[in-house]
Amino acid sequence: MRAKELCCPEYVYCLSRSEYFRDYAIKNMTGSSGRQRVPNDQVEDYELEIPDQKVIQEFHTLCKSLFLKIQSNQQQIQTLTKTRDTLLPKLMSGKLRVGDLQP
């Protein structure tokens, strides 16, 4: 799902993660297991209250920095995971010592 021009991506993300929407989507899935999807017409039929543009803009303003921080944290986690995966085998084999890592 992607946000259309009148809605912010943060709102669409939060909607897609909501318990009510997820329950609705699960009940309307089609296809074989492992390849199940919710048909577009079922998503279009989902009823929800649409806030006015001012509320959507305020939500976007409040949430954008939080989502950017989450994205930054995820990138940092990936970097730290790669560093750990590189260093741990060397530490375990004795090829590298903790004292060798000090600046």
C-alpha atoms as a PDB file:
ATOM      1  CA  MET A   1       0.000   0.000   0.000  1.00  0.00           C
ATOM      2  CA  ARG A   2       1.198   3.477  -0.815  1.00  0.00           C
ATOM      3  CA  ALA A   3      -0.090   6.871   0.220  1.00  0.00           C
ATOM      4  CA  LYS A   4      -1.903   8.877  -2.408  1.00  0.00           C
ATOM      5  CA  GLU A   5      -1.347  12.606  -2.794  1.00  0.00           C
ATOM      6  CA  LEU A   6      -3.847  13.631  -0.092  1.00  0.00           C
ATOM      7  CA  CYS A   7      -2.458  11.334   2.584  1.00  0.00           C
ATOM      8  CA  CYS A   8       0.906  10.968   4.250  1.00  0.00           C
ATOM      9  CA  PRO A   9       2.860   7.691   4.181  1.00  0.00           C
ATOM     10  CA  GLU A  10       3.072   7.602   7.992  1.00  0.00           C
ATOM     11  CA  TYR A  11      -0.733   7.490   8.235  1.00  0.00           C
ATOM     12  CA  VAL A  12      -0.958   4.650   5.701  1.00  0.00           C
ATOM     13  CA  TYR A  13       1.737   2.721   7.561  1.00  0.00           C
ATOM     14  CA  CYS A  14      -0.039   3.116  10.911  1.00  0.00           C
ATOM     15  CA  LEU A  15      -3.343   2.094   9.323  1.00  0.00           C
ATOM     16  CA  SER A  16      -1.774  -1.020   7.798  1.00  0.00           C
ATOM     17  CA  ARG A  17      -0.341  -1.991  11.187  1.00  0.00           C
ATOM     18  CA  SER A  18      -3.602  -1.461  13.088  1.00  0.00           C
ATOM     19  CA  GLU A  19      -5.261  -4.536  14.571  1.00  0.00           C
ATOM     20  CA  TYR A  20      -8.619  -3.766  12.924  1.00  0.00           C
ATOM     21  CA  PHE A  21      -7.176  -3.377   9.427  1.00  0.00           C
ATOM     22  CA  ARG A  22      -4.980  -6.463   9.781  1.00  0.00           C
ATOM     23  CA  ASP A  23      -7.956  -8.566  10.946  1.00  0.00           C
ATOM     24  CA  TYR A  24      -9.991  -7.300   7.989  1.00  0.00           C
ATOM     25  CA  ALA A  25      -7.161  -8.027   5.567  1.00  0.00           C
ATOM     26  CA  ILE A  26      -6.590 -11.551   6.909  1.00  0.00           C
ATOM     27  CA  LYS A  27     -10.291 -12.366   6.561  1.00  0.00           C
ATOM     28  CA  ASN A  28     -10.258 -11.219   2.929  1.00  0.00           C
ATOM     29  CA  MET A  29      -7.069 -12.883   1.697  1.00  0.00           C
ATOM     30  CA  THR A  30      -7.152 -14.991  -1.438  1.00  0.00           C
ATOM     31  CA  GLY A  31      -4.634 -17.347  -3.012  1.00  0.00           C
ATOM     32  CA  SER A  32      -2.658 -20.341  -1.871  1.00  0.00           C
ATOM     33  CA  SER A  33      -0.748 -20.356   1.381  1.00  0.00           C
ATOM     34  CA  GLY A  34       2.527 -18.470   1.141  1.00  0.00           C
ATOM     35  CA  ARG A  35       1.189 -16.359  -1.734  1.00  0.00           C
ATOM     36  CA  GLN A  36      -1.940 -14.944  -0.142  1.00  0.00           C
ATOM     37  CA  ARG A  37      -2.896 -11.388  -0.988  1.00  0.00           C
ATOM     38  CA  VAL A  38      -5.747  -9.040  -0.235  1.00  0.00           C
ATOM     39  CA  PRO A  39      -7.472  -8.064  -3.484  1.00  0.00           C
ATOM     40  CA  ASN A  40      -7.409  -4.342  -4.284  1.00  0.00           C
ATOM     41  CA  ASP A  41     -11.195  -4.116  -4.298  1.00  0.00           C
ATOM     42  CA  GLN A  42     -11.286  -5.442  -0.733  1.00  0.00           C
ATOM     43  CA  VAL A  43      -8.819  -2.788   0.399  1.00  0.00           C
ATOM     44  CA  GLU A  44     -10.865  -0.147  -1.397  1.00  0.00           C
ATOM     45  CA  ASP A  45     -14.008  -1.369   0.425  1.00  0.00           C
ATOM     46  CA  TYR A  46     -12.418  -0.981   3.862  1.00  0.00           C
ATOM     47  CA  GLU A  47     -14.333   1.735   5.676  1.00  0.00           C
ATOM     48  CA  LEU A  48     -12.602   4.256   7.870  1.00  0.00           C
ATOM     49  CA  GLU A  49     -13.024   7.806   9.025  1.00  0.00           C
ATOM     50  CA  ILE A  50     -10.888  10.109   6.901  1.00  0.00           C
ATOM     51  CA  PRO A  51      -9.545  13.092   8.838  1.00  0.00           C
ATOM     52  CA  ASP A  52      -9.436  16.501   7.232  1.00  0.00           C
ATOM     53  CA  GLN A  53      -6.241  17.733   5.592  1.00  0.00           C
ATOM     54  CA  LYS A  54      -5.245  19.827   8.596  1.00  0.00           C
ATOM     55  CA  VAL A  55      -5.282  16.781  10.892  1.00  0.00           C
ATOM     56  CA  ILE A  56      -3.391  14.688   8.340  1.00  0.00           C
ATOM     57  CA  GLN A  57      -0.762  17.427   8.011  1.00  0.00           C
ATOM     58  CA  GLU A  58      -0.385  17.705  11.806  1.00  0.00           C
ATOM     59  CA  PHE A  59      -0.032  13.924  12.044  1.00  0.00           C
ATOM     60  CA  HIS A  60       2.607  13.989   9.317  1.00  0.00           C
ATOM     61  CA  THR A  61       4.501  16.800  11.056  1.00  0.00           C
ATOM     62  CA  LEU A  62       4.484  14.928  14.371  1.00  0.00           C
ATOM     63  CA  CYS A  63       5.386  11.532  12.963  1.00  0.00           C
ATOM     64  CA  LYS A  64       7.901  12.329  10.234  1.00  0.00           C
ATOM     65  CA  SER A  65      10.821  12.898  12.614  1.00  0.00           C
ATOM     66  CA  LEU A  66       9.953   9.694  14.503  1.00  0.00           C
ATOM     67  CA  PHE A  67       9.907   7.659  11.302  1.00  0.00           C
ATOM     68  CA  LEU A  68      13.215   9.207  10.208  1.00  0.00           C
ATOM     69  CA  LYS A  69      14.728   8.235  13.574  1.00  0.00           C
ATOM     70  CA  ILE A  70      13.415   4.677  13.175  1.00  0.00           C
ATOM     71  CA  GLN A  71      14.991   4.503   9.721  1.00  0.00           C
ATOM     72  CA  SER A  72      18.288   5.822  11.078  1.00  0.00           C
ATOM     73  CA  ASN A  73      18.213   3.278  13.904  1.00  0.00           C
ATOM     74  CA  GLN A  74      17.558   0.447  11.448  1.00  0.00           C
ATOM     75  CA  GLN A  75      20.557   1.494   9.350  1.00  0.00           C
ATOM     76  CA  GLN A  76      22.717   1.658  12.457  1.00  0.00           C
ATOM     77  CA  ILE A  77      21.536  -1.819  13.506  1.00  0.00           C
ATOM     78  CA  GLN A  78      22.551  -3.184  10.088  1.00  0.00           C
ATOM     79  CA  THR A  79      25.996  -1.596  10.384  1.00  0.00           C
ATOM     80  CA  LEU A  80      26.492  -2.933  13.913  1.00  0.00           C
ATOM     81  CA  THR A  81      25.297  -6.396  12.880  1.00  0.00           C
ATOM     82  CA  LYS A  82      27.833  -6.505  10.036  1.00  0.00           C
ATOM     83  CA  THR A  83      30.587  -5.328  12.394  1.00  0.00           C
ATOM     84  CA  ARG A  84      29.659  -7.984  14.939  1.00  0.00           C
ATOM     85  CA  ASP A  85      29.527 -10.697  12.270  1.00  0.00           C
ATOM     86  CA  THR A  86      32.997  -9.663  11.074  1.00  0.00           C
ATOM     87  CA  LEU A  87      34.631  -9.363  14.503  1.00  0.00           C
ATOM     88  CA  LEU A  88      33.052 -12.241  16.428  1.00  0.00           C
ATOM     89  CA  PRO A  89      34.642 -15.110  14.457  1.00  0.00           C
ATOM     90  CA  LYS A  90      38.068 -13.424  14.745  1.00  0.00           C
ATOM     91  CA  LEU A  91      37.616 -12.957  18.497  1.00  0.00           C
ATOM     92  CA  MET A  92      36.427 -16.552  18.962  1.00  0.00           C
ATOM     93  CA  SER A  93      39.370 -17.974  16.985  1.00  0.00           C
ATOM     94  CA  GLY A  94      41.911 -15.841  18.835  1.00  0.00           C
ATOM     95  CA  LYS A  95      43.015 -14.026  15.684  1.00  0.00           C
ATOM     96  CA  LEU A  96      41.886 -10.792  17.323  1.00  0.00           C
ATOM     97  CA  ARG A  97      41.892  -9.728  20.953  1.00  0.00           C
ATOM     98  CA  VAL A  98      39.666  -7.188  22.661  1.00  0.00           C
ATOM     99  CA  GLY A  99      42.714  -5.114  23.576  1.00  0.00           C
ATOM    100  CA  ASP A 100      43.577  -4.880  19.875  1.00  0.00           C
ATOM    101  CA  LEU A 101      40.308  -3.004  19.287  1.00  0.00           C
ATOM    102  CA  GLN A 102      41.114  -0.084  21.613  1.00  0.00           C
ATOM    103  CA  PRO A 103      42.010   3.216  19.897  1.00  0.00           C
END
